[in-house]
C-alpha atoms as a PDB file:
ATOM      1  CA  UNK A   1     -31.965  61.842  24.512  1.00  0.00           C
ATOM      2  CA  UNK A   2     -30.808  59.080  22.446  1.00  0.00           C
ATOM      3  CA  UNK A   3     -28.261  56.795  23.114  1.00  0.00           C
ATOM      4  CA  UNK A   4     -25.713  57.663  20.453  1.00  0.00           C
ATOM      5  CA  UNK A   5     -26.354  61.203  22.334  1.00  0.00           C
ATOM      6  CA  UNK A   6     -25.475  59.851  25.826  1.00  0.00           C
ATOM      7  CA  UNK A   7     -22.293  58.768  24.436  1.00  0.00           C
ATOM      8  CA  UNK A   8     -21.500  61.899  22.376  1.00  0.00           C
ATOM      9  CA  UNK A   9     -21.831  63.831  25.697  1.00  0.00           C
ATOM     10  CA  UNK A  10     -20.204  61.427  27.710  1.00  0.00           C
ATOM     11  CA  UNK A  11     -16.543  61.259  25.204  1.00  0.00           C
ATOM     12  CA  UNK A  12     -17.002  65.310  25.435  1.00  0.00           C
ATOM     13  CA  UNK A  13     -17.017  65.650  29.138  1.00  0.00           C
ATOM     14  CA  UNK A  14     -13.874  63.206  29.344  1.00  0.00           C
ATOM     15  CA  UNK A  15     -12.444  65.400  26.468  1.00  0.00           C
ATOM     16  CA  UNK A  16     -12.775  68.360  28.698  1.00  0.00           C
ATOM     17  CA  UNK A  17     -12.019  66.944  31.868  1.00  0.00           C
ATOM     18  CA  UNK A  18      -8.749  65.140  30.052  1.00  0.00           C
ATOM     19  CA  UNK A  19      -7.511  68.774  28.261  1.00  0.00           C
ATOM     20  CA  UNK A  20      -8.274  70.543  31.703  1.00  0.00           C
ATOM     21  CA  UNK A  21      -6.556  68.527  34.237  1.00  0.00           C
ATOM     22  CA  UNK A  22      -3.050  68.915  35.022  1.00  0.00           C
ATOM     23  CA  UNK A  23      -1.619  65.939  32.896  1.00  0.00           C
ATOM     24  CA  UNK A  24       1.607  65.587  35.130  1.00  0.00           C
ATOM     25  CA  UNK A  25      -0.120  65.045  38.323  1.00  0.00           C
ATOM     26  CA  UNK A  26      -2.911  62.605  37.364  1.00  0.00           C
ATOM     27  CA  UNK A  27      -0.802  60.190  35.651  1.00  0.00           C
ATOM     28  CA  UNK A  28      -2.358  60.343  31.442  1.00  0.00           C
ATOM     29  CA  UNK A  29      -3.909  56.502  30.730  1.00  0.00           C
ATOM     30  CA  UNK A  30      -4.290  55.816  27.224  1.00  0.00           C
ATOM     31  CA  UNK A  31      -4.014  52.955  24.501  1.00  0.00           C
ATOM     32  CA  UNK A  32      -1.209  52.801  22.117  1.00  0.00           C
ATOM     33  CA  UNK A  33      -1.188  50.554  18.969  1.00  0.00           C
ATOM     34  CA  UNK A  34       1.677  48.127  18.592  1.00  0.00           C
ATOM     35  CA  UNK A  35       3.400  48.326  15.788  1.00  0.00           C
ATOM     36  CA  UNK A  36       5.403  45.016  14.410  1.00  0.00           C
ATOM     37  CA  UNK A  37       7.428  46.726  11.930  1.00  0.00           C
ATOM     38  CA  UNK A  38       8.353  44.658   9.096  1.00  0.00           C
ATOM     39  CA  UNK A  39       6.957  41.631  10.458  1.00  0.00           C
ATOM     40  CA  UNK A  40       3.266  41.582  11.596  1.00  0.00           C
ATOM     41  CA  UNK A  41       1.949  38.548  13.711  1.00  0.00           C
ATOM     42  CA  UNK A  42      -1.128  36.867  12.704  1.00  0.00           C
ATOM     43  CA  UNK A  43      -4.170  38.666  14.549  1.00  0.00           C
ATOM     44  CA  UNK A  44      -5.144  37.408  18.093  1.00  0.00           C
ATOM     45  CA  UNK A  45      -7.444  37.970  20.556  1.00  0.00           C
ATOM     46  CA  UNK A  46      -8.672  41.449  18.646  1.00  0.00           C
ATOM     47  CA  UNK A  47     -10.687  44.422  20.308  1.00  0.00           C
ATOM     48  CA  UNK A  48     -13.190  45.171  17.287  1.00  0.00           C
ATOM     49  CA  UNK A  49     -15.532  46.948  19.777  1.00  0.00           C
ATOM     50  CA  UNK A  50     -12.450  49.216  21.315  1.00  0.00           C
ATOM     51  CA  UNK A  51     -11.691  50.013  17.567  1.00  0.00           C
ATOM     52  CA  UNK A  52     -15.450  50.988  16.380  1.00  0.00           C
ATOM     53  CA  UNK A  53     -14.709  53.602  19.887  1.00  0.00           C
ATOM     54  CA  UNK A  54     -11.795  54.883  18.231  1.00  0.00           C
ATOM     55  CA  UNK A  55     -13.692  55.668  15.238  1.00  0.00           C
ATOM     56  CA  UNK A  56     -17.041  57.259  16.985  1.00  0.00           C
ATOM     57  CA  UNK A  57     -14.852  59.049  19.523  1.00  0.00           C
ATOM     58  CA  UNK A  58     -13.110  60.222  16.603  1.00  0.00           C
ATOM     59  CA  UNK A  59     -15.636  61.756  14.675  1.00  0.00           C
ATOM     60  CA  UNK A  60     -16.985  63.469  17.966  1.00  0.00           C
ATOM     61  CA  UNK A  61     -13.796  65.265  18.939  1.00  0.00           C
ATOM     62  CA  UNK A  62     -12.867  66.816  15.169  1.00  0.00           C
ATOM     63  CA  UNK A  63     -16.628  68.043  15.212  1.00  0.00           C
ATOM     64  CA  UNK A  64     -15.798  69.760  18.346  1.00  0.00           C
ATOM     65  CA  UNK A  65     -12.338  71.138  18.016  1.00  0.00           C
ATOM     66  CA  UNK A  66     -10.515  70.593  14.403  1.00  0.00           C
ATOM     67  CA  UNK A  67      -7.099  70.432  15.830  1.00  0.00           C
ATOM     68  CA  UNK A  68      -7.392  67.584  17.392  1.00  0.00           C
ATOM     69  CA  UNK A  69      -5.344  64.359  17.132  1.00  0.00           C
ATOM     70  CA  UNK A  70      -5.518  60.741  17.709  1.00  0.00           C
ATOM     71  CA  UNK A  71      -3.547  61.008  20.986  1.00  0.00           C
ATOM     72  CA  UNK A  72      -6.423  62.942  22.583  1.00  0.00           C
ATOM     73  CA  UNK A  73      -8.906  60.005  20.980  1.00  0.00           C
ATOM     74  CA  UNK A  74      -6.684  57.423  23.162  1.00  0.00           C
ATOM     75  CA  UNK A  75      -6.543  59.599  26.172  1.00  0.00           C
ATOM     76  CA  UNK A  76     -10.295  60.137  26.154  1.00  0.00           C
ATOM     77  CA  UNK A  77     -10.623  56.301  25.840  1.00  0.00           C
ATOM     78  CA  UNK A  78      -8.193  56.097  28.578  1.00  0.00           C
ATOM     79  CA  UNK A  79      -9.842  57.969  31.058  1.00  0.00           C
ATOM     80  CA  UNK A  80     -12.938  56.282  30.535  1.00  0.00           C
ATOM     81  CA  UNK A  81     -11.903  52.649  30.730  1.00  0.00           C
ATOM     82  CA  UNK A  82      -8.310  52.422  32.259  1.00  0.00           C
ATOM     83  CA  UNK A  83      -8.122  54.768  35.139  1.00  0.00           C
ATOM     84  CA  UNK A  84      -9.240  53.909  38.826  1.00  0.00           C
ATOM     85  CA  UNK A  85     -11.425  57.282  39.026  1.00  0.00           C
ATOM     86  CA  UNK A  86     -11.779  59.284  35.204  1.00  0.00           C
ATOM     87  CA  UNK A  87     -10.551  63.298  35.629  1.00  0.00           C
ATOM     88  CA  UNK A  88     -13.074  65.450  37.085  1.00  0.00           C
ATOM     89  CA  UNK A  89     -14.880  67.697  34.535  1.00  0.00           C
ATOM     90  CA  UNK A  90     -13.895  71.405  34.786  1.00  0.00           C
ATOM     91  CA  UNK A  91     -16.368  74.209  35.898  1.00  0.00           C
ATOM     92  CA  UNK A  92     -14.921  75.892  33.213  1.00  0.00           C
ATOM     93  CA  UNK A  93     -14.432  74.163  29.841  1.00  0.00           C
ATOM     94  CA  UNK A  94     -10.862  74.382  28.236  1.00  0.00           C
ATOM     95  CA  UNK A  95     -11.208  76.576  25.014  1.00  0.00           C
ATOM     96  CA  UNK A  96      -9.218  73.615  23.265  1.00  0.00           C
ATOM     97  CA  UNK A  97      -9.351  69.900  23.314  1.00  0.00           C
ATOM     98  CA  UNK A  98      -6.403  69.200  21.977  1.00  0.00           C
ATOM     99  CA  UNK A  99      -3.322  68.310  24.273  1.00  0.00           C
ATOM    100  CA  UNK A 100       0.244  70.256  24.363  1.00  0.00           C
ATOM    101  CA  UNK A 101       2.115  70.109  21.707  1.00  0.00           C
ATOM    102  CA  UNK A 102       5.970  71.435  21.780  1.00  0.00           C
ATOM    103  CA  UNK A 103       6.290  75.117  20.460  1.00  0.00           C
ATOM    104  CA  UNK A 104       6.272  74.966  16.860  1.00  0.00           C
ATOM    105  CA  UNK A 105       4.620  71.886  16.101  1.00  0.00           C
ATOM    106  CA  UNK A 106       2.905  71.578  12.799  1.00  0.00           C
ATOM    107  CA  UNK A 107      -0.388  70.092  13.034  1.00  0.00           C
ATOM    108  CA  UNK A 108      -0.788  67.295  10.495  1.00  0.00           C
ATOM    109  CA  UNK A 109      -3.442  67.579   7.502  1.00  0.00           C
ATOM    110  CA  UNK A 110      -6.743  66.342   8.630  1.00  0.00           C
ATOM    111  CA  UNK A 111      -6.086  63.694   5.803  1.00  0.00           C
ATOM    112  CA  UNK A 112      -3.123  62.633   7.854  1.00  0.00           C
ATOM    113  CA  UNK A 113      -4.917  62.136  11.035  1.00  0.00           C
ATOM    114  CA  UNK A 114      -7.676  60.335   9.735  1.00  0.00           C
ATOM    115  CA  UNK A 115      -5.418  57.676   8.429  1.00  0.00           C
ATOM    116  CA  UNK A 116      -3.365  57.295  11.984  1.00  0.00           C
ATOM    117  CA  UNK A 117      -7.070  56.879  13.203  1.00  0.00           C
ATOM    118  CA  UNK A 118      -7.557  54.433  10.816  1.00  0.00           C
ATOM    119  CA  UNK A 119      -4.562  52.639  11.346  1.00  0.00           C
ATOM    120  CA  UNK A 120      -5.129  52.656  15.180  1.00  0.00           C
ATOM    121  CA  UNK A 121      -8.202  51.078  14.745  1.00  0.00           C
ATOM    122  CA  UNK A 122      -6.981  48.531  12.329  1.00  0.00           C
ATOM    123  CA  UNK A 123      -4.552  47.374  14.961  1.00  0.00           C
ATOM    124  CA  UNK A 124      -6.918  47.445  18.199  1.00  0.00           C
ATOM    125  CA  UNK A 125      -9.401  44.804  15.495  1.00  0.00           C
ATOM    126  CA  UNK A 126      -5.826  42.792  14.856  1.00  0.00           C
ATOM    127  CA  UNK A 127      -5.291  42.909  18.931  1.00  0.00           C
ATOM    128  CA  UNK A 128      -2.202  44.669  18.100  1.00  0.00           C
ATOM    129  CA  UNK A 129      -2.374  47.114  21.505  1.00  0.00           C
ATOM    130  CA  UNK A 130      -0.996  48.457  24.906  1.00  0.00           C
ATOM    131  CA  UNK A 131      -2.332  49.980  27.674  1.00  0.00           C
ATOM    132  CA  UNK A 132      -0.178  52.627  29.332  1.00  0.00           C
ATOM    133  CA  UNK A 133      -0.360  54.933  31.899  1.00  0.00           C
ATOM    134  CA  UNK A 134       2.291  57.893  31.420  1.00  0.00           C
ATOM    135  CA  UNK A 135       3.441  59.832  34.839  1.00  0.00           C
ATOM    136  CA  UNK A 136       5.945  62.491  35.431  1.00  0.00           C
ATOM    137  CA  UNK A 137       7.047  64.046  38.743  1.00  0.00           C
ATOM    138  CA  UNK A 138       5.032  61.372  41.266  1.00  0.00           C
ATOM    139  CA  UNK A 139       5.821  63.821  44.586  1.00  0.00           C
ATOM    140  CA  UNK A 140       5.757  62.333  48.366  1.00  0.00           C
ATOM    141  CA  UNK A 141       2.544  64.158  49.341  1.00  0.00           C
ATOM    142  CA  UNK A 142       0.707  62.230  46.688  1.00  0.00           C
ATOM    143  CA  UNK A 143       2.546  58.558  47.850  1.00  0.00           C
ATOM    144  CA  UNK A 144      -0.210  56.903  49.152  1.00  0.00           C
ATOM    145  CA  UNK A 145      -3.026  58.070  45.988  1.00  0.00           C
ATOM    146  CA  UNK A 146      -0.171  56.948  43.645  1.00  0.00           C
ATOM    147  CA  UNK A 147       0.224  53.716  46.050  1.00  0.00           C
ATOM    148  CA  UNK A 148      -3.395  52.996  45.779  1.00  0.00           C
ATOM    149  CA  UNK A 149      -3.825  53.333  41.858  1.00  0.00           C
ATOM    150  CA  UNK A 150      -1.110  50.913  41.266  1.00  0.00           C
ATOM    151  CA  UNK A 151      -2.635  48.588  43.378  1.00  0.00           C
ATOM    152  CA  UNK A 152      -5.681  48.790  41.229  1.00  0.00           C
ATOM    153  CA  UNK A 153      -4.062  48.557  37.926  1.00  0.00           C
ATOM    154  CA  UNK A 154      -1.641  45.299  39.232  1.00  0.00           C
ATOM    155  CA  UNK A 155      -5.241  43.646  40.038  1.00  0.00           C
ATOM    156  CA  UNK A 156      -6.298  44.105  36.645  1.00  0.00           C
ATOM    157  CA  UNK A 157      -3.422  44.050  34.149  1.00  0.00           C
ATOM    158  CA  UNK A 158      -0.067  42.105  34.049  1.00  0.00           C
ATOM    159  CA  UNK A 159       3.375  43.570  34.072  1.00  0.00           C
ATOM    160  CA  UNK A 160       5.294  44.345  30.602  1.00  0.00           C
ATOM    161  CA  UNK A 161       8.935  44.349  29.589  1.00  0.00           C
ATOM    162  CA  UNK A 162      10.588  45.348  26.631  1.00  0.00           C
ATOM    163  CA  UNK A 163      11.006  41.523  25.562  1.00  0.00           C
ATOM    164  CA  UNK A 164       7.001  40.794  26.025  1.00  0.00           C
ATOM    165  CA  UNK A 165       6.845  43.242  23.445  1.00  0.00           C
ATOM    166  CA  UNK A 166       9.130  41.646  21.128  1.00  0.00           C
ATOM    167  CA  UNK A 167       7.683  38.119  21.502  1.00  0.00           C
ATOM    168  CA  UNK A 168       4.081  39.385  21.302  1.00  0.00           C
ATOM    169  CA  UNK A 169       5.540  41.302  17.863  1.00  0.00           C
ATOM    170  CA  UNK A 170       7.204  37.946  16.670  1.00  0.00           C
ATOM    171  CA  UNK A 171       3.942  35.214  17.587  1.00  0.00           C
ATOM    172  CA  UNK A 172       1.187  38.048  18.342  1.00  0.00           C
ATOM    173  CA  UNK A 173       0.739  36.391  21.400  1.00  0.00           C
ATOM    174  CA  UNK A 174       1.653  38.002  25.194  1.00  0.00           C
ATOM    175  CA  UNK A 175       3.355  35.972  28.024  1.00  0.00           C
ATOM    176  CA  UNK A 176       0.099  36.532  30.433  1.00  0.00           C
ATOM    177  CA  UNK A 177      -3.046  35.340  28.322  1.00  0.00           C
ATOM    178  CA  UNK A 178      -5.272  35.604  31.204  1.00  0.00           C
ATOM    179  CA  UNK A 179      -5.305  39.495  31.724  1.00  0.00           C
ATOM    180  CA  UNK A 180      -4.118  42.166  29.884  1.00  0.00           C
ATOM    181  CA  UNK A 181      -0.583  43.857  29.981  1.00  0.00           C
ATOM    182  CA  UNK A 182       0.072  47.649  31.109  1.00  0.00           C
ATOM    183  CA  UNK A 183       2.940  49.763  31.152  1.00  0.00           C
ATOM    184  CA  UNK A 184       3.438  52.509  34.061  1.00  0.00           C
ATOM    185  CA  UNK A 185       5.749  54.766  32.069  1.00  0.00           C
ATOM    186  CA  UNK A 186       7.835  57.551  34.521  1.00  0.00           C
ATOM    187  CA  UNK A 187       9.124  60.384  32.364  1.00  0.00           C
ATOM    188  CA  UNK A 188      11.977  62.770  33.127  1.00  0.00           C
ATOM    189  CA  UNK A 189      14.156  61.430  35.505  1.00  0.00           C
ATOM    190  CA  UNK A 190      12.756  62.971  38.595  1.00  0.00           C
ATOM    191  CA  UNK A 191      13.706  61.711  41.877  1.00  0.00           C
ATOM    192  CA  UNK A 192      10.279  61.064  42.946  1.00  0.00           C
ATOM    193  CA  UNK A 193      10.043  58.464  40.525  1.00  0.00           C
ATOM    194  CA  UNK A 194      13.100  56.617  42.720  1.00  0.00           C
ATOM    195  CA  UNK A 195      11.487  57.760  45.909  1.00  0.00           C
ATOM    196  CA  UNK A 196       7.621  57.219  45.603  1.00  0.00           C
ATOM    197  CA  UNK A 197       6.487  55.452  42.375  1.00  0.00           C
ATOM    198  CA  UNK A 198       9.552  52.704  42.867  1.00  0.00           C
ATOM    199  CA  UNK A 199       8.597  51.501  45.633  1.00  0.00           C
ATOM    200  CA  UNK A 200       4.890  51.012  44.853  1.00  0.00           C
ATOM    201  CA  UNK A 201       5.761  48.836  41.713  1.00  0.00           C
ATOM    202  CA  UNK A 202       8.214  46.965  43.924  1.00  0.00           C
ATOM    203  CA  UNK A 203       5.216  45.790  46.043  1.00  0.00           C
ATOM    204  CA  UNK A 204       2.764  45.185  43.523  1.00  0.00           C
ATOM    205  CA  UNK A 205       5.149  43.646  41.037  1.00  0.00           C
ATOM    206  CA  UNK A 206       4.118  46.006  38.089  1.00  0.00           C
ATOM    207  CA  UNK A 207       7.452  47.033  35.878  1.00  0.00           C
ATOM    208  CA  UNK A 208       7.888  50.501  35.404  1.00  0.00           C
ATOM    209  CA  UNK A 209       9.475  52.055  31.458  1.00  0.00           C
ATOM    210  CA  UNK A 210      11.656  55.082  32.952  1.00  0.00           C
ATOM    211  CA  UNK A 211      12.607  57.419  30.590  1.00  0.00           C
ATOM    212  CA  UNK A 212      15.105  60.279  31.865  1.00  0.00           C
ATOM    213  CA  UNK A 213      16.676  62.850  29.899  1.00  0.00           C
ATOM    214  CA  UNK A 214      20.714  62.339  30.788  1.00  0.00           C
ATOM    215  CA  UNK A 215      21.907  65.850  30.944  1.00  0.00           C
ATOM    216  CA  UNK A 216      19.067  66.151  33.621  1.00  0.00           C
ATOM    217  CA  UNK A 217      21.025  63.731  36.218  1.00  0.00           C
ATOM    218  CA  UNK A 218      24.118  65.185  35.506  1.00  0.00           C
ATOM    219  CA  UNK A 219      23.133  68.917  36.951  1.00  0.00           C
ATOM    220  CA  UNK A 220      24.061  69.695  40.423  1.00  0.00           C
ATOM    221  CA  UNK A 221      20.935  69.532  42.936  1.00  0.00           C
ATOM    222  CA  UNK A 222      20.836  73.603  43.570  1.00  0.00           C
ATOM    223  CA  UNK A 223      20.353  73.939  39.558  1.00  0.00           C
ATOM    224  CA  UNK A 224      17.975  71.208  38.970  1.00  0.00           C
ATOM    225  CA  UNK A 225      15.140  73.713  39.297  1.00  0.00           C
ATOM    226  CA  UNK A 226      16.209  76.191  36.644  1.00  0.00           C
ATOM    227  CA  UNK A 227      16.942  73.300  34.393  1.00  0.00           C
ATOM    228  CA  UNK A 228      13.748  71.739  34.563  1.00  0.00           C
ATOM    229  CA  UNK A 229      12.060  74.750  33.941  1.00  0.00           C
ATOM    230  CA  UNK A 230      14.196  75.875  30.978  1.00  0.00           C
ATOM    231  CA  UNK A 231      13.238  72.283  29.486  1.00  0.00           C
ATOM    232  CA  UNK A 232       9.636  72.046  29.489  1.00  0.00           C
ATOM    233  CA  UNK A 233       9.527  69.965  32.663  1.00  0.00           C
ATOM    234  CA  UNK A 234       6.322  69.563  34.429  1.00  0.00           C
ATOM    235  CA  UNK A 235       7.335  69.513  38.249  1.00  0.00           C
ATOM    236  CA  UNK A 236       4.518  69.722  40.669  1.00  0.00           C
ATOM    237  CA  UNK A 237       6.520  70.436  43.875  1.00  0.00           C
ATOM    238  CA  UNK A 238       9.746  71.597  45.120  1.00  0.00           C
ATOM    239  CA  UNK A 239      10.974  69.556  48.103  1.00  0.00           C
ATOM    240  CA  UNK A 240      14.098  69.996  49.324  1.00  0.00           C
ATOM    241  CA  UNK A 241      17.160  68.158  47.786  1.00  0.00           C
ATOM    242  CA  UNK A 242      17.219  66.767  44.479  1.00  0.00           C
ATOM    243  CA  UNK A 243      15.026  67.032  41.997  1.00  0.00           C
ATOM    244  CA  UNK A 244      16.556  64.389  39.624  1.00  0.00           C
ATOM    245  CA  UNK A 245      17.371  60.608  40.220  1.00  0.00           C
ATOM    246  CA  UNK A 246      20.841  59.667  39.988  1.00  0.00           C
ATOM    247  CA  UNK A 247      22.983  57.707  37.961  1.00  0.00           C
ATOM    248  CA  UNK A 248      23.595  55.054  40.236  1.00  0.00           C
ATOM    249  CA  UNK A 249      19.801  55.120  41.179  1.00  0.00           C
ATOM    250  CA  UNK A 250      18.937  54.472  37.617  1.00  0.00           C
ATOM    251  CA  UNK A 251      21.171  51.594  37.490  1.00  0.00           C
ATOM    252  CA  UNK A 252      20.015  49.989  40.366  1.00  0.00           C
ATOM    253  CA  UNK A 253      16.478  49.905  39.032  1.00  0.00           C
ATOM    254  CA  UNK A 254      17.646  48.643  35.397  1.00  0.00           C
ATOM    255  CA  UNK A 255      17.965  45.462  37.096  1.00  0.00           C
ATOM    256  CA  UNK A 256      13.679  44.835  37.181  1.00  0.00           C
ATOM    257  CA  UNK A 257      12.491  47.681  35.477  1.00  0.00           C
ATOM    258  CA  UNK A 258      12.967  49.027  31.533  1.00  0.00           C
ATOM    259  CA  UNK A 259      15.136  52.112  31.122  1.00  0.00           C
ATOM    260  CA  UNK A 260      14.460  54.311  28.093  1.00  0.00           C
ATOM    261  CA  UNK A 261      15.683  57.180  26.168  1.00  0.00           C
ATOM    262  CA  UNK A 262      14.680  60.594  25.923  1.00  0.00           C
ATOM    263  CA  UNK A 263      17.013  62.954  24.496  1.00  0.00           C
ATOM    264  CA  UNK A 264      20.038  64.593  26.931  1.00  0.00           C
ATOM    265  CA  UNK A 265      17.788  67.766  27.612  1.00  0.00           C
ATOM    266  CA  UNK A 266      14.115  67.067  27.054  1.00  0.00           C
ATOM    267  CA  UNK A 267      14.286  67.988  23.302  1.00  0.00           C
ATOM    268  CA  UNK A 268      11.715  67.537  20.336  1.00  0.00           C
ATOM    269  CA  UNK A 269      12.836  66.085  17.355  1.00  0.00           C
ATOM    270  CA  UNK A 270      11.892  69.089  15.369  1.00  0.00           C
ATOM    271  CA  UNK A 271      14.772  70.755  17.128  1.00  0.00           C
ATOM    272  CA  UNK A 272      17.557  68.314  16.461  1.00  0.00           C
ATOM    273  CA  UNK A 273      18.917  68.721  13.027  1.00  0.00           C
ATOM    274  CA  UNK A 274      22.635  70.014  12.917  1.00  0.00           C
ATOM    275  CA  UNK A 275      25.330  67.218  13.501  1.00  0.00           C
ATOM    276  CA  UNK A 276      26.374  68.607  16.908  1.00  0.00           C
ATOM    277  CA  UNK A 277      22.485  68.289  18.073  1.00  0.00           C
ATOM    278  CA  UNK A 278      22.412  64.788  17.061  1.00  0.00           C
ATOM    279  CA  UNK A 279      25.116  63.773  18.721  1.00  0.00           C
ATOM    280  CA  UNK A 280      24.212  65.560  22.037  1.00  0.00           C
ATOM    281  CA  UNK A 281      20.924  64.978  21.708  1.00  0.00           C
ATOM    282  CA  UNK A 282      20.373  61.287  20.491  1.00  0.00           C
ATOM    283  CA  UNK A 283      23.713  59.403  20.012  1.00  0.00           C
ATOM    284  CA  UNK A 284      25.530  60.470  23.496  1.00  0.00           C
ATOM    285  CA  UNK A 285      22.820  59.750  25.905  1.00  0.00           C
ATOM    286  CA  UNK A 286      22.155  56.603  24.549  1.00  0.00           C
ATOM    287  CA  UNK A 287      25.455  55.393  24.384  1.00  0.00           C
ATOM    288  CA  UNK A 288      25.556  56.948  28.672  1.00  0.00           C
ATOM    289  CA  UNK A 289      22.939  54.723  29.101  1.00  0.00           C
ATOM    290  CA  UNK A 290      23.998  51.619  27.230  1.00  0.00           C
ATOM    291  CA  UNK A 291      27.198  52.221  29.518  1.00  0.00           C
ATOM    292  CA  UNK A 292      25.549  52.173  32.603  1.00  0.00           C
ATOM    293  CA  UNK A 293      22.400  49.600  32.380  1.00  0.00           C
ATOM    294  CA  UNK A 294      24.973  47.463  30.220  1.00  0.00           C
ATOM    295  CA  UNK A 295      22.236  47.292  27.409  1.00  0.00           C
ATOM    296  CA  UNK A 296      21.049  49.790  24.828  1.00  0.00           C
ATOM    297  CA  UNK A 297      17.810  51.422  26.090  1.00  0.00           C
ATOM    298  CA  UNK A 298      14.530  49.676  25.506  1.00  0.00           C
ATOM    299  CA  UNK A 299      12.912  52.162  23.617  1.00  0.00           C
ATOM    300  CA  UNK A 300      12.955  55.883  22.618  1.00  0.00           C
ATOM    301  CA  UNK A 301      10.395  58.699  23.079  1.00  0.00           C
ATOM    302  CA  UNK A 302      10.956  62.615  22.037  1.00  0.00           C
ATOM    303  CA  UNK A 303       9.673  65.276  23.987  1.00  0.00           C
ATOM    304  CA  UNK A 304       5.882  65.798  22.371  1.00  0.00           C
ATOM    305  CA  UNK A 305       5.520  62.200  21.600  1.00  0.00           C
ATOM    306  CA  UNK A 306       6.338  62.164  17.925  1.00  0.00           C
ATOM    307  CA  UNK A 307       6.660  59.089  15.733  1.00  0.00           C
ATOM    308  CA  UNK A 308       9.243  58.246  13.908  1.00  0.00           C
ATOM    309  CA  UNK A 309       9.929  60.478  11.583  1.00  0.00           C
ATOM    310  CA  UNK A 310      12.868  58.642   8.496  1.00  0.00           C
ATOM    311  CA  UNK A 311      13.215  62.553   7.245  1.00  0.00           C
ATOM    312  CA  UNK A 312      14.763  64.204  10.465  1.00  0.00           C
ATOM    313  CA  UNK A 313      18.409  63.338  11.216  1.00  0.00           C
ATOM    314  CA  UNK A 314      17.810  62.482  14.906  1.00  0.00           C
ATOM    315  CA  UNK A 315      15.195  59.974  13.920  1.00  0.00           C
ATOM    316  CA  UNK A 316      17.189  58.582  11.372  1.00  0.00           C
ATOM    317  CA  UNK A 317      20.160  58.460  13.702  1.00  0.00           C
ATOM    318  CA  UNK A 318      18.237  56.459  16.263  1.00  0.00           C
ATOM    319  CA  UNK A 319      18.425  53.215  13.785  1.00  0.00           C
ATOM    320  CA  UNK A 320      21.826  52.384  14.373  1.00  0.00           C
ATOM    321  CA  UNK A 321      22.273  52.678  18.427  1.00  0.00           C
ATOM    322  CA  UNK A 322      20.509  49.462  19.307  1.00  0.00           C
ATOM    323  CA  UNK A 323      17.453  50.851  20.642  1.00  0.00           C
ATOM    324  CA  UNK A 324      14.746  48.431  18.845  1.00  0.00           C
ATOM    325  CA  UNK A 325      11.506  50.457  20.372  1.00  0.00           C
ATOM    326  CA  UNK A 326       9.803  53.822  19.657  1.00  0.00           C
ATOM    327  CA  UNK A 327       7.492  55.370  21.850  1.00  0.00           C
ATOM    328  CA  UNK A 328       4.849  57.766  20.396  1.00  0.00           C
ATOM    329  CA  UNK A 329       1.664  59.353  21.950  1.00  0.00           C
ATOM    330  CA  UNK A 330      -0.491  56.759  19.655  1.00  0.00           C
ATOM    331  CA  UNK A 331       2.391  53.712  18.949  1.00  0.00           C
ATOM    332  CA  UNK A 332       4.865  51.610  20.596  1.00  0.00           C
ATOM    333  CA  UNK A 333       6.742  50.963  17.397  1.00  0.00           C
ATOM    334  CA  UNK A 334       9.136  48.023  16.288  1.00  0.00           C
ATOM    335  CA  UNK A 335      12.575  49.789  14.728  1.00  0.00           C
ATOM    336  CA  UNK A 336      13.886  46.402  13.883  1.00  0.00           C
ATOM    337  CA  UNK A 337      13.875  43.077  15.162  1.00  0.00           C
END
C-alpha cells in the first residue's frame, strides 16, 4: 500500500468514526475559516499544509459519499489533529459519511460545495482559521473525562474572546502569537454547561462560547425534557431537577465568557420566514440576551450551522441587531466592523 493509500484509509476511518459517534457526547473538534467580511487582513503565518489536507480529504470523502459537505472534511481533520483521542472506528461502518442536517435541508449543488472547499483552503493558506470544539450536553457522569480534555486543550492552545476575533480581522494577528487559539463552544443552554463545563473552564483558563436558545431557559423544569425532545436537543442523561441553565447563571458566566445567540427555540434558518417568526426567533432572543448581559451577543448560530444567507428573512434581520459575528459549520464570519 502506498503512502497515499495509507492516508486515504486513515481519512475514511476517521470519517466513519465521526459519522457513527454520538457527536453530542464526544465534542466535535473542527476548524473554521475566519471570514473578516469587507476588510481582509494581510496574510500572516498561514498553514498551507493544512489547506492541502483539506483538498485531499475533500477528494477522498466526495468519492466515498456524494452528499458530504466541507463540514465533514473539517470534522475529520479535527478528529485526527485536535482531539486528545480520535473517535473509535465503529464495528459496523455507517451508511453515510455526511453529518446530520435539519429535516428539509437541501444539499447544495456539488459546484457550490467545491467552491466552499476552495474558500476554506484559501483561508487556511492565509492563516485565517480558528480551532473549535463543539459540545452540547456535558453530563456530570463524564465530568472527569471532560476536565481532562480541557486540560489537554489548555496546554496546547490559547483562549479566544470575541474581541480577539475582531482584532484579528483588523490586523491579521492574534493576541497570543506563541500558540494557536481554541474555542470550546457549548450549545443549547444546558444546565450541565454551568454545572460541569464552567468549573472546568475556570480551572484551566479557557474562554467558553455559550449558545443558549432563550425560550429553553424559560420552560419550567418539569417541562424541559419535553421541550428538548420537541426541538432537536441532544440530551444525554436525565438527572433530576433542571435540564436548562437559568438566566441568572447565564448572566454570571457572561462576565468572563462569551454569550452567543441560537434563536429562541433551536430553530433552523429555513423555518423562519414570516415576520412573526423573525421577531420571535431572532429579534426577541437577541433583545433579551442583550438586556441580560449588557451587550449584544457575540455571535449567532442557527440549528444545523447554516451560513449567512441574504435571501432569508431571519438572516437579514440579524444585520441590524448589533450581533457582529456569525458561526456556521465551516466559518466564523464577521458581519460588520
